[in-house]
Amino acid sequence: MRDYTYPPIIVTMKTMFKIIGMKFQITGAHHIPRSGGAVIASNHISYVDFIFNGLAAQPSKRLVRFMAKNDAFEHKISGPIMRSLHHISVDRAAGEKSLLDAIEYVRAGEVVGIFPEATISRSMEIKELKTGAVRVAAEGGVPLIPMIVWGTQLLKTKDHPSDLWGRGKTIILKVGEPIDVTGEDPVAETALLKERLQALLAEAIAEYPIGPEGQWWAPASFGGAAPTPEEAKRLDQEELAERAARRAAREAEKNAENG
């Protein structure tokens, strides 16, 4: 794939991070192969995770193609950028198409980034995972690489004010050992992926320069004040219900205008 915008965007972002004093702790980057396809499966705690996850692939000189909601591709500003970076559009109403696209990418030697939780984790824990990451890696015949990003929730996440500049903030990226998957039992292999992610998350929290005790951005199970997984699930359900109600209201308004 020809990449005219990806490299200069990376250089620009790295320069900006340096100017604002953002700190990075990246471990395990050597697990990302220097050539050939791979799937990176990461936790999801912020709206900007994908901006930082790709940095872990820089030591291997790889560009990561992320799977993202089609809303980002339809936006008049972000759409052209997402397409120029060769990311993969995900239509949740027709998700199988995006999985086939991802399989085609990894078979062509690309590194594909997937957030198997599908949505941001309000609890900051690892949510239940979709089996898509395992299926893409298995069908593509490539390694499945677990990754944890930590600290991005301090920049922009659900239910909290944004601090996109993140001056002086620390971002941790931990890349785990590749998992060889066969796809014979996607549910069991996804459970293994979750275990690996949970272990990496515990390491990241322990290594973070600020302790989790009492912090809104840390899991309750680590002494933080984030919602428990059960509370987070309830908030997610309420959010989905509100979205559905807004869609229904818009449809009703359109129908009324059309007579």
C-alpha atoms as a PDB file:
ATOM      1  CA  MET A   1       0.000   0.000   0.000  1.00  0.00           C
ATOM      2  CA  ARG A   2       1.208   3.482  -0.792  1.00  0.00           C
ATOM      3  CA  ASP A   3       1.337   5.672   2.317  1.00  0.00           C
ATOM      4  CA  TYR A   4       1.617   9.365   1.599  1.00  0.00           C
ATOM      5  CA  THR A   5      -0.027  10.703   4.779  1.00  0.00           C
ATOM      6  CA  TYR A   6       0.765   8.084   7.452  1.00  0.00           C
ATOM      7  CA  PRO A   7       4.556   8.765   7.852  1.00  0.00           C
ATOM      8  CA  PRO A   8       4.269  12.569   8.065  1.00  0.00           C
ATOM      9  CA  ILE A   9       1.382  12.275  10.532  1.00  0.00           C
ATOM     10  CA  ILE A  10       3.530  10.044  12.762  1.00  0.00           C
ATOM     11  CA  VAL A  11       6.424  12.526  12.636  1.00  0.00           C
ATOM     12  CA  THR A  12       4.054  15.398  13.470  1.00  0.00           C
ATOM     13  CA  MET A  13       2.488  13.549  16.410  1.00  0.00           C
ATOM     14  CA  LYS A  14       5.863  12.501  17.833  1.00  0.00           C
ATOM     15  CA  THR A  15       7.053  16.099  17.635  1.00  0.00           C
ATOM     16  CA  MET A  16       3.928  17.341  19.393  1.00  0.00           C
ATOM     17  CA  PHE A  17       4.247  14.703  22.144  1.00  0.00           C
ATOM     18  CA  LYS A  18       7.834  15.812  22.735  1.00  0.00           C
ATOM     19  CA  ILE A  19       6.878  19.494  22.890  1.00  0.00           C
ATOM     20  CA  ILE A  20       4.171  18.914  25.508  1.00  0.00           C
ATOM     21  CA  GLY A  21       6.394  16.646  27.573  1.00  0.00           C
ATOM     22  CA  MET A  22       4.371  13.481  27.186  1.00  0.00           C
ATOM     23  CA  LYS A  23       6.279  10.447  28.439  1.00  0.00           C
ATOM     24  CA  PHE A  24       6.156   6.914  27.029  1.00  0.00           C
ATOM     25  CA  GLN A  25       7.009   3.549  28.507  1.00  0.00           C
ATOM     26  CA  ILE A  26       6.978   0.931  25.753  1.00  0.00           C
ATOM     27  CA  THR A  27       7.868  -2.693  26.452  1.00  0.00           C
ATOM     28  CA  GLY A  28       7.651  -5.802  24.306  1.00  0.00           C
ATOM     29  CA  ALA A  29       7.713  -3.926  21.002  1.00  0.00           C
ATOM     30  CA  HIS A  30      10.030  -6.617  19.625  1.00  0.00           C
ATOM     31  CA  HIS A  31       7.040  -8.973  19.560  1.00  0.00           C
ATOM     32  CA  ILE A  32       5.636  -7.072  16.574  1.00  0.00           C
ATOM     33  CA  PRO A  33       7.164  -8.695  13.473  1.00  0.00           C
ATOM     34  CA  ARG A  34       9.273  -6.630  11.096  1.00  0.00           C
ATOM     35  CA  SER A  35       7.594  -8.258   8.121  1.00  0.00           C
ATOM     36  CA  GLY A  36       4.484 -10.283   7.369  1.00  0.00           C
ATOM     37  CA  GLY A  37       0.956 -10.005   8.636  1.00  0.00           C
ATOM     38  CA  ALA A  38      -0.142  -9.859  12.264  1.00  0.00           C
ATOM     39  CA  VAL A  39      -3.139  -8.912  14.385  1.00  0.00           C
ATOM     40  CA  ILE A  40      -2.685  -6.616  17.382  1.00  0.00           C
ATOM     41  CA  ALA A  41      -5.506  -6.988  19.907  1.00  0.00           C
ATOM     42  CA  SER A  42      -5.663  -4.146  22.427  1.00  0.00           C
ATOM     43  CA  ASN A  43      -7.761  -3.044  25.347  1.00  0.00           C
ATOM     44  CA  HIS A  44      -9.896   0.058  24.808  1.00  0.00           C
ATOM     45  CA  ILE A  45     -10.076   2.791  27.454  1.00  0.00           C
ATOM     46  CA  SER A  46     -10.045   6.005  25.430  1.00  0.00           C
ATOM     47  CA  TYR A  47     -11.266   7.617  22.229  1.00  0.00           C
ATOM     48  CA  VAL A  48      -7.629   8.201  21.234  1.00  0.00           C
ATOM     49  CA  ASP A  49      -6.165   4.731  21.870  1.00  0.00           C
ATOM     50  CA  PHE A  50      -5.442   4.073  18.206  1.00  0.00           C
ATOM     51  CA  ILE A  51      -3.242   7.172  17.988  1.00  0.00           C
ATOM     52  CA  PHE A  52      -0.898   5.726  20.595  1.00  0.00           C
ATOM     53  CA  ASN A  53      -1.127   1.987  19.902  1.00  0.00           C
ATOM     54  CA  GLY A  54       0.565   2.450  16.559  1.00  0.00           C
ATOM     55  CA  LEU A  55       3.667   3.834  18.302  1.00  0.00           C
ATOM     56  CA  ALA A  56       4.478   0.374  19.653  1.00  0.00           C
ATOM     57  CA  ALA A  57       4.932  -0.798  16.060  1.00  0.00           C
ATOM     58  CA  GLN A  58       7.433   1.943  15.216  1.00  0.00           C
ATOM     59  CA  PRO A  59      10.536   0.057  16.449  1.00  0.00           C
ATOM     60  CA  SER A  60       9.608  -2.681  13.941  1.00  0.00           C
ATOM     61  CA  LYS A  61       8.999   0.013  11.294  1.00  0.00           C
ATOM     62  CA  ARG A  62       5.421  -1.116  10.773  1.00  0.00           C
ATOM     63  CA  LEU A  63       2.244   0.862  10.134  1.00  0.00           C
ATOM     64  CA  VAL A  64      -0.892  -0.450  11.824  1.00  0.00           C
ATOM     65  CA  ARG A  65      -4.230  -0.514  10.001  1.00  0.00           C
ATOM     66  CA  PHE A  66      -6.924  -0.120  12.641  1.00  0.00           C
ATOM     67  CA  MET A  67     -10.488  -1.333  12.485  1.00  0.00           C
ATOM     68  CA  ALA A  68     -12.761   1.583  13.378  1.00  0.00           C
ATOM     69  CA  LYS A  69     -16.452   2.466  13.300  1.00  0.00           C
ATOM     70  CA  ASN A  70     -17.666   3.632   9.904  1.00  0.00           C
ATOM     71  CA  ASP A  71     -18.783   6.933  11.511  1.00  0.00           C
ATOM     72  CA  ALA A  72     -15.134   8.046  11.421  1.00  0.00           C
ATOM     73  CA  PHE A  73     -14.966   7.256   7.700  1.00  0.00           C
ATOM     74  CA  GLU A  74     -18.163   9.141   6.928  1.00  0.00           C
ATOM     75  CA  HIS A  75     -17.106  12.346   8.705  1.00  0.00           C
ATOM     76  CA  LYS A  76     -16.132  15.119   6.283  1.00  0.00           C
ATOM     77  CA  ILE A  77     -12.810  15.764   8.065  1.00  0.00           C
ATOM     78  CA  SER A  78     -11.717  12.440   9.534  1.00  0.00           C
ATOM     79  CA  GLY A  79     -13.081  10.373   6.633  1.00  0.00           C
ATOM     80  CA  PRO A  80     -10.445  11.292   4.029  1.00  0.00           C
ATOM     81  CA  ILE A  81      -7.705  10.897   6.634  1.00  0.00           C
ATOM     82  CA  MET A  82      -8.897   7.444   7.743  1.00  0.00           C
ATOM     83  CA  ARG A  83      -9.060   6.270   4.145  1.00  0.00           C
ATOM     84  CA  SER A  84      -5.619   7.653   3.326  1.00  0.00           C
ATOM     85  CA  LEU A  85      -4.185   5.714   6.282  1.00  0.00           C
ATOM     86  CA  HIS A  86      -5.819   2.551   4.912  1.00  0.00           C
ATOM     87  CA  HIS A  87      -7.702   1.821   8.124  1.00  0.00           C
ATOM     88  CA  ILE A  88     -10.640  -0.584   7.967  1.00  0.00           C
ATOM     89  CA  SER A  89     -14.229   0.640   8.235  1.00  0.00           C
ATOM     90  CA  VAL A  90     -16.509  -1.376  10.530  1.00  0.00           C
ATOM     91  CA  ASP A  91     -20.254  -1.336   9.967  1.00  0.00           C
ATOM     92  CA  ARG A  92     -21.699  -3.010  13.048  1.00  0.00           C
ATOM     93  CA  ALA A  93     -24.829  -3.886  11.107  1.00  0.00           C
ATOM     94  CA  ALA A  94     -22.674  -5.846   8.653  1.00  0.00           C
ATOM     95  CA  GLY A  95     -19.580  -6.723  10.645  1.00  0.00           C
ATOM     96  CA  GLU A  96     -18.652  -9.789   8.631  1.00  0.00           C
ATOM     97  CA  LYS A  97     -17.547  -7.601   5.715  1.00  0.00           C
ATOM     98  CA  SER A  98     -14.974  -5.789   7.859  1.00  0.00           C
ATOM     99  CA  LEU A  99     -13.598  -9.100   9.150  1.00  0.00           C
ATOM    100  CA  LEU A 100     -13.133 -10.306   5.580  1.00  0.00           C
ATOM    101  CA  ASP A 101     -11.348  -7.038   4.767  1.00  0.00           C
ATOM    102  CA  ALA A 102      -9.073  -7.511   7.783  1.00  0.00           C
ATOM    103  CA  ILE A 103      -8.263 -11.081   6.740  1.00  0.00           C
ATOM    104  CA  GLU A 104      -7.364  -9.837   3.275  1.00  0.00           C
ATOM    105  CA  TYR A 105      -5.071  -7.198   4.833  1.00  0.00           C
ATOM    106  CA  VAL A 106      -3.118  -9.622   7.032  1.00  0.00           C
ATOM    107  CA  ARG A 107      -2.785 -12.117   4.199  1.00  0.00           C
ATOM    108  CA  ALA A 108      -1.229  -9.292   2.194  1.00  0.00           C
ATOM    109  CA  GLY A 109       1.327  -8.785   4.970  1.00  0.00           C
ATOM    110  CA  GLU A 110      -0.288  -5.891   6.844  1.00  0.00           C
ATOM    111  CA  VAL A 111      -0.502  -5.414  10.618  1.00  0.00           C
ATOM    112  CA  VAL A 112      -4.135  -4.938  11.662  1.00  0.00           C
ATOM    113  CA  GLY A 113      -5.147  -3.378  14.977  1.00  0.00           C
ATOM    114  CA  ILE A 114      -8.363  -4.587  16.600  1.00  0.00           C
ATOM    115  CA  PHE A 115     -10.142  -3.555  19.811  1.00  0.00           C
ATOM    116  CA  PRO A 116     -11.935  -6.838  20.639  1.00  0.00           C
ATOM    117  CA  GLU A 117     -13.947  -5.218  23.442  1.00  0.00           C
ATOM    118  CA  ALA A 118     -15.648  -3.231  20.639  1.00  0.00           C
ATOM    119  CA  THR A 119     -16.402  -0.276  22.929  1.00  0.00           C
ATOM    120  CA  ILE A 120     -14.561   1.744  25.557  1.00  0.00           C
ATOM    121  CA  SER A 121     -14.361   0.107  28.972  1.00  0.00           C
ATOM    122  CA  ARG A 122     -15.820   2.413  31.599  1.00  0.00           C
ATOM    123  CA  SER A 123     -14.532   0.092  34.338  1.00  0.00           C
ATOM    124  CA  MET A 124     -10.983   0.243  32.901  1.00  0.00           C
ATOM    125  CA  GLU A 125     -10.997  -3.544  33.243  1.00  0.00           C
ATOM    126  CA  ILE A 126     -10.919  -5.919  30.272  1.00  0.00           C
ATOM    127  CA  LYS A 127     -14.509  -6.360  29.105  1.00  0.00           C
ATOM    128  CA  GLU A 128     -15.870  -9.456  27.430  1.00  0.00           C
ATOM    129  CA  LEU A 129     -14.136  -9.854  24.089  1.00  0.00           C
ATOM    130  CA  LYS A 130     -15.575 -10.465  20.657  1.00  0.00           C
ATOM    131  CA  THR A 131     -14.016 -13.387  18.769  1.00  0.00           C
ATOM    132  CA  GLY A 132     -13.158 -11.305  15.690  1.00  0.00           C
ATOM    133  CA  ALA A 133      -9.465 -10.823  16.514  1.00  0.00           C
ATOM    134  CA  VAL A 134      -8.942 -14.562  16.912  1.00  0.00           C
ATOM    135  CA  ARG A 135     -10.889 -15.316  13.737  1.00  0.00           C
ATOM    136  CA  VAL A 136      -8.916 -12.828  11.642  1.00  0.00           C
ATOM    137  CA  ALA A 137      -5.565 -14.108  12.921  1.00  0.00           C
ATOM    138  CA  ALA A 138      -6.558 -17.747  12.435  1.00  0.00           C
ATOM    139  CA  GLU A 139      -8.021 -17.269   8.959  1.00  0.00           C
ATOM    140  CA  GLY A 140      -5.090 -15.132   7.903  1.00  0.00           C
ATOM    141  CA  GLY A 141      -2.534 -17.542   9.334  1.00  0.00           C
ATOM    142  CA  VAL A 142      -0.789 -14.796  11.329  1.00  0.00           C
ATOM    143  CA  PRO A 143       0.158 -14.303  14.998  1.00  0.00           C
ATOM    144  CA  LEU A 144      -2.254 -12.687  17.447  1.00  0.00           C
ATOM    145  CA  ILE A 145      -0.419 -10.116  19.554  1.00  0.00           C
ATOM    146  CA  PRO A 146      -1.970  -8.853  22.818  1.00  0.00           C
ATOM    147  CA  MET A 147      -1.350  -5.222  23.738  1.00  0.00           C
ATOM    148  CA  ILE A 148      -2.251  -2.966  26.634  1.00  0.00           C
ATOM    149  CA  VAL A 149      -2.418   0.808  26.485  1.00  0.00           C
ATOM    150  CA  TRP A 150      -2.626   2.677  29.788  1.00  0.00           C
ATOM    151  CA  GLY A 151      -2.836   6.386  30.554  1.00  0.00           C
ATOM    152  CA  THR A 152      -4.851   7.390  27.494  1.00  0.00           C
ATOM    153  CA  GLN A 153      -8.017   7.485  29.610  1.00  0.00           C
ATOM    154  CA  LEU A 154      -6.584  10.646  31.182  1.00  0.00           C
ATOM    155  CA  LEU A 155      -6.795  12.347  27.788  1.00  0.00           C
ATOM    156  CA  LYS A 156     -10.292  11.542  26.509  1.00  0.00           C
ATOM    157  CA  THR A 157     -12.696   8.866  27.694  1.00  0.00           C
ATOM    158  CA  LYS A 158     -16.349   8.438  28.504  1.00  0.00           C
ATOM    159  CA  ASP A 159     -18.058  10.396  31.302  1.00  0.00           C
ATOM    160  CA  HIS A 160     -15.050  12.627  32.093  1.00  0.00           C
ATOM    161  CA  PRO A 161     -13.689  15.984  30.885  1.00  0.00           C
ATOM    162  CA  SER A 162     -11.087  15.802  28.121  1.00  0.00           C
ATOM    163  CA  ASP A 163      -7.449  16.833  28.482  1.00  0.00           C
ATOM    164  CA  LEU A 164      -6.176  16.194  24.962  1.00  0.00           C
ATOM    165  CA  TRP A 165      -2.932  18.087  25.478  1.00  0.00           C
ATOM    166  CA  GLY A 166      -1.921  15.695  28.223  1.00  0.00           C
ATOM    167  CA  ARG A 167       1.048  17.785  29.299  1.00  0.00           C
ATOM    168  CA  GLY A 168       3.473  15.680  31.311  1.00  0.00           C
ATOM    169  CA  LYS A 169       1.221  12.625  31.168  1.00  0.00           C
ATOM    170  CA  THR A 170       2.690   9.128  30.931  1.00  0.00           C
ATOM    171  CA  ILE A 171       1.402   6.589  28.420  1.00  0.00           C
ATOM    172  CA  ILE A 172       2.300   2.923  28.863  1.00  0.00           C
ATOM    173  CA  LEU A 173       2.258   0.489  25.948  1.00  0.00           C
ATOM    174  CA  LYS A 174       2.859  -3.160  26.766  1.00  0.00           C
ATOM    175  CA  VAL A 175       3.087  -5.717  23.965  1.00  0.00           C
ATOM    176  CA  GLY A 176       2.769  -9.367  24.932  1.00  0.00           C
ATOM    177  CA  GLU A 177       4.113 -12.523  23.376  1.00  0.00           C
ATOM    178  CA  PRO A 178       2.287 -13.592  20.185  1.00  0.00           C
ATOM    179  CA  ILE A 179      -0.449 -16.200  20.519  1.00  0.00           C
ATOM    180  CA  ASP A 180      -0.662 -18.886  17.870  1.00  0.00           C
ATOM    181  CA  VAL A 181      -4.344 -19.451  17.139  1.00  0.00           C
ATOM    182  CA  THR A 182      -6.014 -22.075  14.975  1.00  0.00           C
ATOM    183  CA  GLY A 183      -9.619 -20.903  14.986  1.00  0.00           C
ATOM    184  CA  GLU A 184     -10.789 -24.406  15.901  1.00  0.00           C
ATOM    185  CA  ASP A 185     -12.272 -23.040  19.129  1.00  0.00           C
ATOM    186  CA  PRO A 186     -12.516 -19.236  18.819  1.00  0.00           C
ATOM    187  CA  VAL A 187     -14.277 -18.908  22.178  1.00  0.00           C
ATOM    188  CA  ALA A 188     -11.511 -20.734  24.085  1.00  0.00           C
ATOM    189  CA  GLU A 189      -8.773 -18.870  22.230  1.00  0.00           C
ATOM    190  CA  THR A 190     -10.505 -15.558  22.913  1.00  0.00           C
ATOM    191  CA  ALA A 191     -10.633 -16.500  26.614  1.00  0.00           C
ATOM    192  CA  LEU A 192      -6.854 -17.052  26.463  1.00  0.00           C
ATOM    193  CA  LEU A 193      -6.434 -13.646  24.836  1.00  0.00           C
ATOM    194  CA  LYS A 194      -8.425 -12.075  27.661  1.00  0.00           C
ATOM    195  CA  GLU A 195      -6.197 -13.742  30.254  1.00  0.00           C
ATOM    196  CA  ARG A 196      -3.083 -12.388  28.545  1.00  0.00           C
ATOM    197  CA  LEU A 197      -4.583  -8.883  28.379  1.00  0.00           C
ATOM    198  CA  GLN A 198      -5.558  -8.995  32.056  1.00  0.00           C
ATOM    199  CA  ALA A 199      -2.024  -9.973  33.041  1.00  0.00           C
ATOM    200  CA  LEU A 200      -0.511  -7.170  30.944  1.00  0.00           C
ATOM    201  CA  LEU A 201      -3.023  -4.694  32.398  1.00  0.00           C
ATOM    202  CA  ALA A 202      -2.007  -5.607  35.953  1.00  0.00           C
ATOM    203  CA  GLU A 203       1.640  -5.028  35.017  1.00  0.00           C
ATOM    204  CA  ALA A 204       0.841  -1.647  33.454  1.00  0.00           C
ATOM    205  CA  ILE A 205      -1.100  -0.470  36.495  1.00  0.00           C
ATOM    206  CA  ALA A 206       1.713  -1.581  38.814  1.00  0.00           C
ATOM    207  CA  GLU A 207       4.315   0.256  36.712  1.00  0.00           C
ATOM    208  CA  TYR A 208       2.360   3.495  36.283  1.00  0.00           C
ATOM    209  CA  PRO A 209       4.005   6.455  38.066  1.00  0.00           C
ATOM    210  CA  ILE A 210       0.745   7.269  39.882  1.00  0.00           C
ATOM    211  CA  GLY A 211      -0.797   4.630  42.131  1.00  0.00           C
ATOM    212  CA  PRO A 212      -4.375   3.510  41.396  1.00  0.00           C
ATOM    213  CA  GLU A 213      -5.789   4.026  44.891  1.00  0.00           C
ATOM    214  CA  GLY A 214      -8.821   6.316  44.776  1.00  0.00           C
ATOM    215  CA  GLN A 215      -8.220   7.398  41.171  1.00  0.00           C
ATOM    216  CA  TRP A 216     -11.279   7.742  38.923  1.00  0.00           C
ATOM    217  CA  TRP A 217      -9.291   6.301  36.023  1.00  0.00           C
ATOM    218  CA  ALA A 218      -8.254   3.085  37.785  1.00  0.00           C
ATOM    219  CA  PRO A 219     -10.258  -0.164  38.164  1.00  0.00           C
ATOM    220  CA  ALA A 220     -12.157  -0.708  41.385  1.00  0.00           C
ATOM    221  CA  SER A 221     -10.459  -4.096  41.754  1.00  0.00           C
ATOM    222  CA  PHE A 222      -7.120  -2.260  42.045  1.00  0.00           C
ATOM    223  CA  GLY A 223      -8.426   0.244  44.586  1.00  0.00           C
ATOM    224  CA  GLY A 224      -9.496   2.797  42.015  1.00  0.00           C
ATOM    225  CA  ALA A 225     -12.793   4.685  41.785  1.00  0.00           C
ATOM    226  CA  ALA A 226     -13.852   3.630  38.280  1.00  0.00           C
ATOM    227  CA  PRO A 227     -17.220   1.864  38.013  1.00  0.00           C
ATOM    228  CA  THR A 228     -17.204  -1.856  38.704  1.00  0.00           C
ATOM    229  CA  PRO A 229     -17.728  -4.051  35.630  1.00  0.00           C
ATOM    230  CA  GLU A 230     -21.355  -4.523  36.702  1.00  0.00           C
ATOM    231  CA  GLU A 231     -21.924  -0.772  37.086  1.00  0.00           C
ATOM    232  CA  ALA A 232     -20.161  -0.127  33.781  1.00  0.00           C
ATOM    233  CA  LYS A 233     -22.396  -2.646  32.022  1.00  0.00           C
ATOM    234  CA  ARG A 234     -25.486  -0.845  33.340  1.00  0.00           C
ATOM    235  CA  LEU A 235     -24.138   2.510  32.126  1.00  0.00           C
ATOM    236  CA  ASP A 236     -23.394   0.995  28.703  1.00  0.00           C
ATOM    237  CA  GLN A 237     -26.946  -0.329  28.457  1.00  0.00           C
ATOM    238  CA  GLU A 238     -28.381   3.064  29.426  1.00  0.00           C
ATOM    239  CA  GLU A 239     -26.205   4.744  26.780  1.00  0.00           C
ATOM    240  CA  LEU A 240     -27.391   2.316  24.099  1.00  0.00           C
ATOM    241  CA  ALA A 241     -31.016   2.896  25.094  1.00  0.00           C
ATOM    242  CA  GLU A 242     -30.550   6.681  24.875  1.00  0.00           C
ATOM    243  CA  ARG A 243     -28.991   6.364  21.418  1.00  0.00           C
ATOM    244  CA  ALA A 244     -31.841   4.173  20.240  1.00  0.00           C
ATOM    245  CA  ALA A 245     -34.354   6.698  21.563  1.00  0.00           C
ATOM    246  CA  ARG A 246     -32.601   9.556  19.750  1.00  0.00           C
ATOM    247  CA  ARG A 247     -32.549   7.577  16.486  1.00  0.00           C
ATOM    248  CA  ALA A 248     -36.235   6.791  16.851  1.00  0.00           C
ATOM    249  CA  ALA A 249     -36.997  10.468  17.499  1.00  0.00           C
ATOM    250  CA  ARG A 250     -35.055  11.532  14.395  1.00  0.00           C
ATOM    251  CA  GLU A 251     -36.840   8.960  12.263  1.00  0.00           C
ATOM    252  CA  ALA A 252     -40.210  10.095  13.592  1.00  0.00           C
ATOM    253  CA  GLU A 253     -39.315  13.713  12.803  1.00  0.00           C
ATOM    254  CA  LYS A 254     -38.292  12.800   9.250  1.00  0.00           C
ATOM    255  CA  ASN A 255     -41.481  10.845   8.685  1.00  0.00           C
ATOM    256  CA  ALA A 256     -43.552  13.759   9.948  1.00  0.00           C
ATOM    257  CA  GLU A 257     -41.747  16.179   7.603  1.00  0.00           C
ATOM    258  CA  ASN A 258     -42.346  13.835   4.669  1.00  0.00           C
ATOM    259  CA  GLY A 259     -46.026  13.725   5.421  1.00  0.00           C
END
